[in-house]
Amino acid sequence: MKIKHGYKIRNIAGENVIVAIGKLNVNLTKVISLNPTSVWLWEKLGNEEFDAVKISELLVSNYNVDRDTAIADAEAWISSLRKAELLEE
């Protein structure tokens, strides 16, 4: 899977949010805000293919987190992106 093309992170009023680039009549009632780790993952993964294992490896190598916690966090992150329809699978 990978992050859908056409979405970017923008800082709006101090919040990192995902916005659709170049789309008119976007539903602004569904705003997706990202914490710093989510922003880092989004930027790190860009347009490349990934899965929960790859994400967990990034988390383990860059944060003080054990593998079990990292895989659970990776799966939760993927689930959130999937729910927001931000993944190409």
PDB file of N, CA and C in Angstrom:
ATOM      1  N   MET A   1       0.842  -1.174   0.000  1.00  0.00           N
ATOM      2  CA  MET A   1       0.000   0.000   0.000  1.00  0.00           C
ATOM      3  C   MET A   1       0.886   1.235   0.000  1.00  0.00           C
ATOM      4  N   LYS A   2       0.289   2.359  -0.375  1.00  0.00           N
ATOM      5  CA  LYS A   2       1.009   3.622  -0.276  1.00  0.00           C
ATOM      6  C   LYS A   2       0.013   4.756  -0.074  1.00  0.00           C
ATOM      7  N   ILE A   3       0.531   5.916   0.266  1.00  0.00           N
ATOM      8  CA  ILE A   3      -0.312   7.082   0.496  1.00  0.00           C
ATOM      9  C   ILE A   3      -0.852   7.566  -0.847  1.00  0.00           C
ATOM     10  N   LYS A   4      -2.143   7.880  -0.881  1.00  0.00           N
ATOM     11  CA  LYS A   4      -2.788   8.346  -2.101  1.00  0.00           C
ATOM     12  C   LYS A   4      -2.157   9.630  -2.606  1.00  0.00           C
ATOM     13  N   HIS A   5      -2.025   9.698  -3.904  1.00  0.00           N
ATOM     14  CA  HIS A   5      -1.512  10.896  -4.565  1.00  0.00           C
ATOM     15  C   HIS A   5      -2.550  12.022  -4.464  1.00  0.00           C
ATOM     16  N   GLY A   6      -2.087  13.259  -4.351  1.00  0.00           N
ATOM     17  CA  GLY A   6      -2.995  14.397  -4.367  1.00  0.00           C
ATOM     18  C   GLY A   6      -3.299  14.970  -3.000  1.00  0.00           C
ATOM     19  N   TYR A   7      -2.600  14.500  -1.982  1.00  0.00           N
ATOM     20  CA  TYR A   7      -2.799  15.016  -0.631  1.00  0.00           C
ATOM     21  C   TYR A   7      -1.469  15.506  -0.085  1.00  0.00           C
ATOM     22  N   LYS A   8      -1.515  16.604   0.641  1.00  0.00           N
ATOM     23  CA  LYS A   8      -0.320  17.199   1.240  1.00  0.00           C
ATOM     24  C   LYS A   8      -0.613  17.585   2.673  1.00  0.00           C
ATOM     25  N   ILE A   9       0.436  17.712   3.450  1.00  0.00           N
ATOM     26  CA  ILE A   9       0.308  18.205   4.815  1.00  0.00           C
ATOM     27  C   ILE A   9       0.537  19.704   4.787  1.00  0.00           C
ATOM     28  N   ARG A  10      -0.340  20.427   5.440  1.00  0.00           N
ATOM     29  CA  ARG A  10      -0.206  21.869   5.575  1.00  0.00           C
ATOM     30  C   ARG A  10      -0.368  22.235   7.044  1.00  0.00           C
ATOM     31  N   ASN A  11       0.370  23.242   7.457  1.00  0.00           N
ATOM     32  CA  ASN A  11       0.227  23.746   8.826  1.00  0.00           C
ATOM     33  C   ASN A  11      -0.791  24.870   8.788  1.00  0.00           C
ATOM     34  N   ILE A  12      -1.912  24.654   9.438  1.00  0.00           N
ATOM     35  CA  ILE A  12      -2.992  25.626   9.476  1.00  0.00           C
ATOM     36  C   ILE A  12      -3.301  25.936  10.930  1.00  0.00           C
ATOM     37  N   ALA A  13      -3.079  27.175  11.303  1.00  0.00           N
ATOM     38  CA  ALA A  13      -3.335  27.636  12.674  1.00  0.00           C
ATOM     39  C   ALA A  13      -2.625  26.754  13.704  1.00  0.00           C
ATOM     40  N   GLY A  14      -1.392  26.352  13.390  1.00  0.00           N
ATOM     41  CA  GLY A  14      -0.600  25.573  14.320  1.00  0.00           C
ATOM     42  C   GLY A  14      -0.877  24.081  14.318  1.00  0.00           C
ATOM     43  N   GLU A  15      -1.777  23.628  13.461  1.00  0.00           N
ATOM     44  CA  GLU A  15      -2.107  22.205  13.358  1.00  0.00           C
ATOM     45  C   GLU A  15      -1.629  21.672  12.012  1.00  0.00           C
ATOM     46  N   ASN A  16      -1.053  20.486  12.007  1.00  0.00           N
ATOM     47  CA  ASN A  16      -0.681  19.814  10.768  1.00  0.00           C
ATOM     48  C   ASN A  16      -1.886  19.034  10.275  1.00  0.00           C
ATOM     49  N   VAL A  17      -2.423  19.453   9.128  1.00  0.00           N
ATOM     50  CA  VAL A  17      -3.615  18.803   8.588  1.00  0.00           C
ATOM     51  C   VAL A  17      -3.353  18.345   7.158  1.00  0.00           C
ATOM     52  N   ILE A  18      -4.090  17.334   6.742  1.00  0.00           N
ATOM     53  CA  ILE A  18      -3.998  16.817   5.382  1.00  0.00           C
ATOM     54  C   ILE A  18      -5.023  17.552   4.536  1.00  0.00           C
ATOM     55  N   VAL A  19      -4.558  18.058   3.404  1.00  0.00           N
ATOM     56  CA  VAL A  19      -5.454  18.755   2.485  1.00  0.00           C
ATOM     57  C   VAL A  19      -5.341  18.127   1.100  1.00  0.00           C
ATOM     58  N   ALA A  20      -6.456  18.167   0.377  1.00  0.00           N
ATOM     59  CA  ALA A  20      -6.473  17.691  -1.006  1.00  0.00           C
ATOM     60  C   ALA A  20      -5.980  18.825  -1.889  1.00  0.00           C
ATOM     61  N   ILE A  21      -5.005  18.537  -2.717  1.00  0.00           N
ATOM     62  CA  ILE A  21      -4.423  19.543  -3.597  1.00  0.00           C
ATOM     63  C   ILE A  21      -5.222  19.624  -4.892  1.00  0.00           C
ATOM     64  N   GLY A  22      -5.643  20.833  -5.233  1.00  0.00           N
ATOM     65  CA  GLY A  22      -6.290  21.073  -6.512  1.00  0.00           C
ATOM     66  C   GLY A  22      -7.710  20.577  -6.642  1.00  0.00           C
ATOM     67  N   LYS A  23      -8.363  20.241  -5.542  1.00  0.00           N
ATOM     68  CA  LYS A  23      -9.739  19.763  -5.621  1.00  0.00           C
ATOM     69  C   LYS A  23     -10.689  20.852  -5.155  1.00  0.00           C
ATOM     70  N   LEU A  24     -11.739  21.073  -5.934  1.00  0.00           N
ATOM     71  CA  LEU A  24     -12.771  22.028  -5.568  1.00  0.00           C
ATOM     72  C   LEU A  24     -13.870  21.315  -4.791  1.00  0.00           C
ATOM     73  N   ASN A  25     -14.610  22.068  -4.031  1.00  0.00           N
ATOM     74  CA  ASN A  25     -15.744  21.529  -3.275  1.00  0.00           C
ATOM     75  C   ASN A  25     -15.334  20.395  -2.340  1.00  0.00           C
ATOM     76  N   VAL A  26     -14.213  20.573  -1.658  1.00  0.00           N
ATOM     77  CA  VAL A  26     -13.743  19.569  -0.710  1.00  0.00           C
ATOM     78  C   VAL A  26     -14.581  19.653   0.558  1.00  0.00           C
ATOM     79  N   ASN A  27     -14.910  18.532   1.128  1.00  0.00           N
ATOM     80  CA  ASN A  27     -15.672  18.468   2.367  1.00  0.00           C
ATOM     81  C   ASN A  27     -14.770  18.851   3.532  1.00  0.00           C
ATOM     82  N   LEU A  28     -14.908  20.064   4.028  1.00  0.00           N
ATOM     83  CA  LEU A  28     -14.060  20.539   5.112  1.00  0.00           C
ATOM     84  C   LEU A  28     -14.571  20.135   6.489  1.00  0.00           C
ATOM     85  N   THR A  29     -15.671  19.394   6.548  1.00  0.00           N
ATOM     86  CA  THR A  29     -16.137  18.906   7.840  1.00  0.00           C
ATOM     87  C   THR A  29     -15.319  17.701   8.286  1.00  0.00           C
ATOM     88  N   LYS A  30     -14.530  17.157   7.377  1.00  0.00           N
ATOM     89  CA  LYS A  30     -13.692  15.999   7.682  1.00  0.00           C
ATOM     90  C   LYS A  30     -12.227  16.428   7.608  1.00  0.00           C
ATOM     91  N   VAL A  31     -11.732  16.992   8.703  1.00  0.00           N
ATOM     92  CA  VAL A  31     -10.355  17.476   8.760  1.00  0.00           C
ATOM     93  C   VAL A  31      -9.515  16.433   9.469  1.00  0.00           C
ATOM     94  N   ILE A  32      -8.385  16.099   8.876  1.00  0.00           N
ATOM     95  CA  ILE A  32      -7.497  15.099   9.459  1.00  0.00           C
ATOM     96  C   ILE A  32      -6.262  15.806   9.974  1.00  0.00           C
ATOM     97  N   SER A  33      -6.087  15.759  11.281  1.00  0.00           N
ATOM     98  CA  SER A  33      -4.955  16.401  11.938  1.00  0.00           C
ATOM     99  C   SER A  33      -3.920  15.337  12.287  1.00  0.00           C
ATOM    100  N   LEU A  34      -2.632  15.683  12.126  1.00  0.00           N
ATOM    101  CA  LEU A  34      -1.558  14.729  12.376  1.00  0.00           C
ATOM    102  C   LEU A  34      -0.656  15.188  13.513  1.00  0.00           C
ATOM    103  N   ASN A  35      -0.256  14.234  14.345  1.00  0.00           N
ATOM    104  CA  ASN A  35       0.727  14.545  15.376  1.00  0.00           C
ATOM    105  C   ASN A  35       2.121  14.514  14.737  1.00  0.00           C
ATOM    106  N   PRO A  36       3.150  14.954  15.442  1.00  0.00           N
ATOM    107  CA  PRO A  36       4.490  15.015  14.838  1.00  0.00           C
ATOM    108  C   PRO A  36       5.006  13.680  14.291  1.00  0.00           C
ATOM    109  N   THR A  37       4.723  12.580  14.967  1.00  0.00           N
ATOM    110  CA  THR A  37       5.178  11.277  14.464  1.00  0.00           C
ATOM    111  C   THR A  37       4.467  10.916  13.167  1.00  0.00           C
ATOM    112  N   SER A  38       3.174  11.193  13.079  1.00  0.00           N
ATOM    113  CA  SER A  38       2.433  10.927  11.850  1.00  0.00           C
ATOM    114  C   SER A  38       2.950  11.770  10.698  1.00  0.00           C
ATOM    115  N   VAL A  39       3.281  13.022  10.963  1.00  0.00           N
ATOM    116  CA  VAL A  39       3.856  13.889   9.927  1.00  0.00           C
ATOM    117  C   VAL A  39       5.183  13.303   9.457  1.00  0.00           C
ATOM    118  N   TRP A  40       6.016  12.877  10.403  1.00  0.00           N
ATOM    119  CA  TRP A  40       7.318  12.294  10.075  1.00  0.00           C
ATOM    120  C   TRP A  40       7.153  11.045   9.200  1.00  0.00           C
ATOM    121  N   LEU A  41       6.227  10.159   9.585  1.00  0.00           N
ATOM    122  CA  LEU A  41       5.989   8.955   8.799  1.00  0.00           C
ATOM    123  C   LEU A  41       5.484   9.298   7.404  1.00  0.00           C
ATOM    124  N   TRP A  42       4.542  10.226   7.317  1.00  0.00           N
ATOM    125  CA  TRP A  42       3.974  10.642   6.028  1.00  0.00           C
ATOM    126  C   TRP A  42       5.090  11.136   5.106  1.00  0.00           C
ATOM    127  N   GLU A  43       5.945  12.001   5.645  1.00  0.00           N
ATOM    128  CA  GLU A  43       7.037  12.565   4.847  1.00  0.00           C
ATOM    129  C   GLU A  43       8.094  11.509   4.513  1.00  0.00           C
ATOM    130  N   LYS A  44       8.377  10.626   5.432  1.00  0.00           N
ATOM    131  CA  LYS A  44       9.389   9.587   5.232  1.00  0.00           C
ATOM    132  C   LYS A  44       8.952   8.584   4.165  1.00  0.00           C
ATOM    133  N   LEU A  45       7.673   8.218   4.176  1.00  0.00           N
ATOM    134  CA  LEU A  45       7.185   7.186   3.267  1.00  0.00           C
ATOM    135  C   LEU A  45       6.834   7.729   1.886  1.00  0.00           C
ATOM    136  N   GLY A  46       6.440   8.999   1.819  1.00  0.00           N
ATOM    137  CA  GLY A  46       6.160   9.626   0.532  1.00  0.00           C
ATOM    138  C   GLY A  46       5.293   8.774  -0.364  1.00  0.00           C
ATOM    139  N   ASN A  47       5.783   8.468  -1.549  1.00  0.00           N
ATOM    140  CA  ASN A  47       5.032   7.665  -2.520  1.00  0.00           C
ATOM    141  C   ASN A  47       5.495   6.225  -2.589  1.00  0.00           C
ATOM    142  N   GLU A  48       6.254   5.779  -1.603  1.00  0.00           N
ATOM    143  CA  GLU A  48       6.753   4.405  -1.673  1.00  0.00           C
ATOM    144  C   GLU A  48       5.796   3.418  -1.015  1.00  0.00           C
ATOM    145  N   GLU A  49       5.913   2.174  -1.425  1.00  0.00           N
ATOM    146  CA  GLU A  49       5.105   1.098  -0.855  1.00  0.00           C
ATOM    147  C   GLU A  49       5.541   0.833   0.589  1.00  0.00           C
ATOM    148  N   PHE A  50       4.576   0.511   1.434  1.00  0.00           N
ATOM    149  CA  PHE A  50       4.888   0.194   2.817  1.00  0.00           C
ATOM    150  C   PHE A  50       3.848  -0.756   3.391  1.00  0.00           C
ATOM    151  N   ASP A  51       4.202  -1.329   4.523  1.00  0.00           N
ATOM    152  CA  ASP A  51       3.284  -2.149   5.296  1.00  0.00           C
ATOM    153  C   ASP A  51       3.583  -1.895   6.772  1.00  0.00           C
ATOM    154  N   ALA A  52       2.871  -2.574   7.650  1.00  0.00           N
ATOM    155  CA  ALA A  52       3.044  -2.348   9.083  1.00  0.00           C
ATOM    156  C   ALA A  52       4.454  -2.690   9.550  1.00  0.00           C
ATOM    157  N   VAL A  53       5.067  -3.692   8.946  1.00  0.00           N
ATOM    158  CA  VAL A  53       6.426  -4.074   9.337  1.00  0.00           C
ATOM    159  C   VAL A  53       7.412  -2.951   9.005  1.00  0.00           C
ATOM    160  N   LYS A  54       7.301  -2.406   7.804  1.00  0.00           N
ATOM    161  CA  LYS A  54       8.209  -1.317   7.418  1.00  0.00           C
ATOM    162  C   LYS A  54       8.030  -0.102   8.331  1.00  0.00           C
ATOM    163  N   ILE A  55       6.793   0.243   8.626  1.00  0.00           N
ATOM    164  CA  ILE A  55       6.527   1.371   9.522  1.00  0.00           C
ATOM    165  C   ILE A  55       7.097   1.088  10.902  1.00  0.00           C
ATOM    166  N   SER A  56       6.889  -0.127  11.405  1.00  0.00           N
ATOM    167  CA  SER A  56       7.391  -0.456  12.743  1.00  0.00           C
ATOM    168  C   SER A  56       8.913  -0.385  12.790  1.00  0.00           C
ATOM    169  N   GLU A  57       9.584  -0.783  11.707  1.00  0.00           N
ATOM    170  CA  GLU A  57      11.041  -0.682  11.659  1.00  0.00           C
ATOM    171  C   GLU A  57      11.494   0.776  11.725  1.00  0.00           C
ATOM    172  N   LEU A  58      10.783   1.651  11.037  1.00  0.00           N
ATOM    173  CA  LEU A  58      11.093   3.086  11.114  1.00  0.00           C
ATOM    174  C   LEU A  58      10.905   3.612  12.541  1.00  0.00           C
ATOM    175  N   LEU A  59       9.819   3.198  13.164  1.00  0.00           N
ATOM    176  CA  LEU A  59       9.546   3.660  14.527  1.00  0.00           C
ATOM    177  C   LEU A  59      10.608   3.173  15.515  1.00  0.00           C
ATOM    178  N   VAL A  60      10.981   1.897  15.406  1.00  0.00           N
ATOM    179  CA  VAL A  60      11.992   1.329  16.303  1.00  0.00           C
ATOM    180  C   VAL A  60      13.340   2.012  16.107  1.00  0.00           C
ATOM    181  N   SER A  61      13.702   2.283  14.851  1.00  0.00           N
ATOM    182  CA  SER A  61      15.024   2.864  14.584  1.00  0.00           C
ATOM    183  C   SER A  61      15.118   4.349  14.930  1.00  0.00           C
ATOM    184  N   ASN A  62      13.973   5.020  15.069  1.00  0.00           N
ATOM    185  CA  ASN A  62      14.022   6.456  15.314  1.00  0.00           C
ATOM    186  C   ASN A  62      13.423   6.911  16.640  1.00  0.00           C
ATOM    187  N   TYR A  63      12.734   6.027  17.316  1.00  0.00           N
ATOM    188  CA  TYR A  63      12.111   6.378  18.593  1.00  0.00           C
ATOM    189  C   TYR A  63      12.454   5.303  19.613  1.00  0.00           C
ATOM    190  N   ASN A  64      12.353   5.633  20.860  1.00  0.00           N
ATOM    191  CA  ASN A  64      12.631   4.695  21.945  1.00  0.00           C
ATOM    192  C   ASN A  64      11.369   3.860  22.201  1.00  0.00           C
ATOM    193  N   VAL A  65      11.140   2.880  21.308  1.00  0.00           N
ATOM    194  CA  VAL A  65       9.937   2.068  21.390  1.00  0.00           C
ATOM    195  C   VAL A  65      10.304   0.616  21.059  1.00  0.00           C
ATOM    196  N   ASP A  66       9.651  -0.321  21.740  1.00  0.00           N
ATOM    197  CA  ASP A  66       9.916  -1.736  21.471  1.00  0.00           C
ATOM    198  C   ASP A  66       9.128  -2.188  20.237  1.00  0.00           C
ATOM    199  N   ARG A  67       9.520  -3.329  19.697  1.00  0.00           N
ATOM    200  CA  ARG A  67       8.926  -3.823  18.444  1.00  0.00           C
ATOM    201  C   ARG A  67       7.420  -4.081  18.553  1.00  0.00           C
ATOM    202  N   ASP A  68       6.976  -4.643  19.672  1.00  0.00           N
ATOM    203  CA  ASP A  68       5.550  -4.932  19.831  1.00  0.00           C
ATOM    204  C   ASP A  68       4.719  -3.653  19.824  1.00  0.00           C
ATOM    205  N   THR A  69       5.202  -2.651  20.528  1.00  0.00           N
ATOM    206  CA  THR A  69       4.507  -1.366  20.557  1.00  0.00           C
ATOM    207  C   THR A  69       4.537  -0.730  19.171  1.00  0.00           C
ATOM    208  N   ALA A  70       5.687  -0.812  18.505  1.00  0.00           N
ATOM    209  CA  ALA A  70       5.832  -0.211  17.177  1.00  0.00           C
ATOM    210  C   ALA A  70       4.888  -0.855  16.167  1.00  0.00           C
ATOM    211  N   ILE A  71       4.746  -2.170  16.198  1.00  0.00           N
ATOM    212  CA  ILE A  71       3.854  -2.824  15.235  1.00  0.00           C
ATOM    213  C   ILE A  71       2.399  -2.463  15.531  1.00  0.00           C
ATOM    214  N   ALA A  72       2.035  -2.379  16.811  1.00  0.00           N
ATOM    215  CA  ALA A  72       0.669  -1.974  17.175  1.00  0.00           C
ATOM    216  C   ALA A  72       0.402  -0.541  16.721  1.00  0.00           C
ATOM    217  N   ASP A  73       1.370   0.348  16.921  1.00  0.00           N
ATOM    218  CA  ASP A  73       1.223   1.741  16.487  1.00  0.00           C
ATOM    219  C   ASP A  73       1.150   1.831  14.967  1.00  0.00           C
ATOM    220  N   ALA A  74       1.956   1.040  14.276  1.00  0.00           N
ATOM    221  CA  ALA A  74       1.947   1.036  12.815  1.00  0.00           C
ATOM    222  C   ALA A  74       0.580   0.580  12.294  1.00  0.00           C
ATOM    223  N   GLU A  75       0.038  -0.461  12.877  1.00  0.00           N
ATOM    224  CA  GLU A  75      -1.268  -0.959  12.454  1.00  0.00           C
ATOM    225  C   GLU A  75      -2.364   0.066  12.732  1.00  0.00           C
ATOM    226  N   ALA A  76      -2.265   0.767  13.854  1.00  0.00           N
ATOM    227  CA  ALA A  76      -3.247   1.810  14.178  1.00  0.00           C
ATOM    228  C   ALA A  76      -3.148   2.968  13.186  1.00  0.00           C
ATOM    229  N   TRP A  77      -1.915   3.336  12.808  1.00  0.00           N
ATOM    230  CA  TRP A  77      -1.708   4.432  11.852  1.00  0.00           C
ATOM    231  C   TRP A  77      -2.295   4.060  10.495  1.00  0.00           C
ATOM    232  N   ILE A  78      -2.024   2.844  10.049  1.00  0.00           N
ATOM    233  CA  ILE A  78      -2.570   2.363   8.781  1.00  0.00           C
ATOM    234  C   ILE A  78      -4.097   2.351   8.833  1.00  0.00           C
ATOM    235  N   SER A  79      -4.651   1.899   9.934  1.00  0.00           N
ATOM    236  CA  SER A  79      -6.097   1.856  10.092  1.00  0.00           C
ATOM    237  C   SER A  79      -6.707   3.256  10.000  1.00  0.00           C
ATOM    238  N   SER A  80      -6.053   4.232  10.599  1.00  0.00           N
ATOM    239  CA  SER A  80      -6.538   5.618  10.541  1.00  0.00           C
ATOM    240  C   SER A  80      -6.496   6.159   9.120  1.00  0.00           C
ATOM    241  N   LEU A  81      -5.410   5.889   8.412  1.00  0.00           N
ATOM    242  CA  LEU A  81      -5.301   6.342   7.024  1.00  0.00           C
ATOM    243  C   LEU A  81      -6.334   5.650   6.138  1.00  0.00           C
ATOM    244  N   ARG A  82      -6.539   4.372   6.398  1.00  0.00           N
ATOM    245  CA  ARG A  82      -7.527   3.609   5.621  1.00  0.00           C
ATOM    246  C   ARG A  82      -8.930   4.178   5.855  1.00  0.00           C
ATOM    247  N   LYS A  83      -9.255   4.449   7.095  1.00  0.00           N
ATOM    248  CA  LYS A  83     -10.574   4.986   7.447  1.00  0.00           C
ATOM    249  C   LYS A  83     -10.803   6.347   6.777  1.00  0.00           C
ATOM    250  N   ALA A  84      -9.740   7.136   6.661  1.00  0.00           N
ATOM    251  CA  ALA A  84      -9.833   8.452   6.028  1.00  0.00           C
ATOM    252  C   ALA A  84      -9.700   8.369   4.501  1.00  0.00           C
ATOM    253  N   GLU A  85      -9.596   7.153   3.976  1.00  0.00           N
ATOM    254  CA  GLU A  85      -9.471   6.911   2.533  1.00  0.00           C
ATOM    255  C   GLU A  85      -8.247   7.600   1.930  1.00  0.00           C
ATOM    256  N   LEU A  86      -7.116   7.484   2.631  1.00  0.00           N
ATOM    257  CA  LEU A  86      -5.877   8.112   2.200  1.00  0.00           C
ATOM    258  C   LEU A  86      -4.850   7.108   1.703  1.00  0.00           C
ATOM    259  N   LEU A  87      -5.253   5.850   1.529  1.00  0.00           N
ATOM    260  CA  LEU A  87      -4.323   4.819   1.073  1.00  0.00           C
ATOM    261  C   LEU A  87      -4.721   4.265  -0.284  1.00  0.00           C
ATOM    262  N   GLU A  88      -3.702   3.937  -1.078  1.00  0.00           N
ATOM    263  CA  GLU A  88      -3.880   3.153  -2.290  1.00  0.00           C
ATOM    264  C   GLU A  88      -3.436   1.744  -1.945  1.00  0.00           C
ATOM    265  N   GLU A  89      -4.334   0.789  -2.121  1.00  0.00           N
ATOM    266  CA  GLU A  89      -3.988  -0.580  -1.743  1.00  0.00           C
ATOM    267  C   GLU A  89      -4.021  -1.514  -2.920  1.00  0.00           C
TER     268      GLU A  89
END
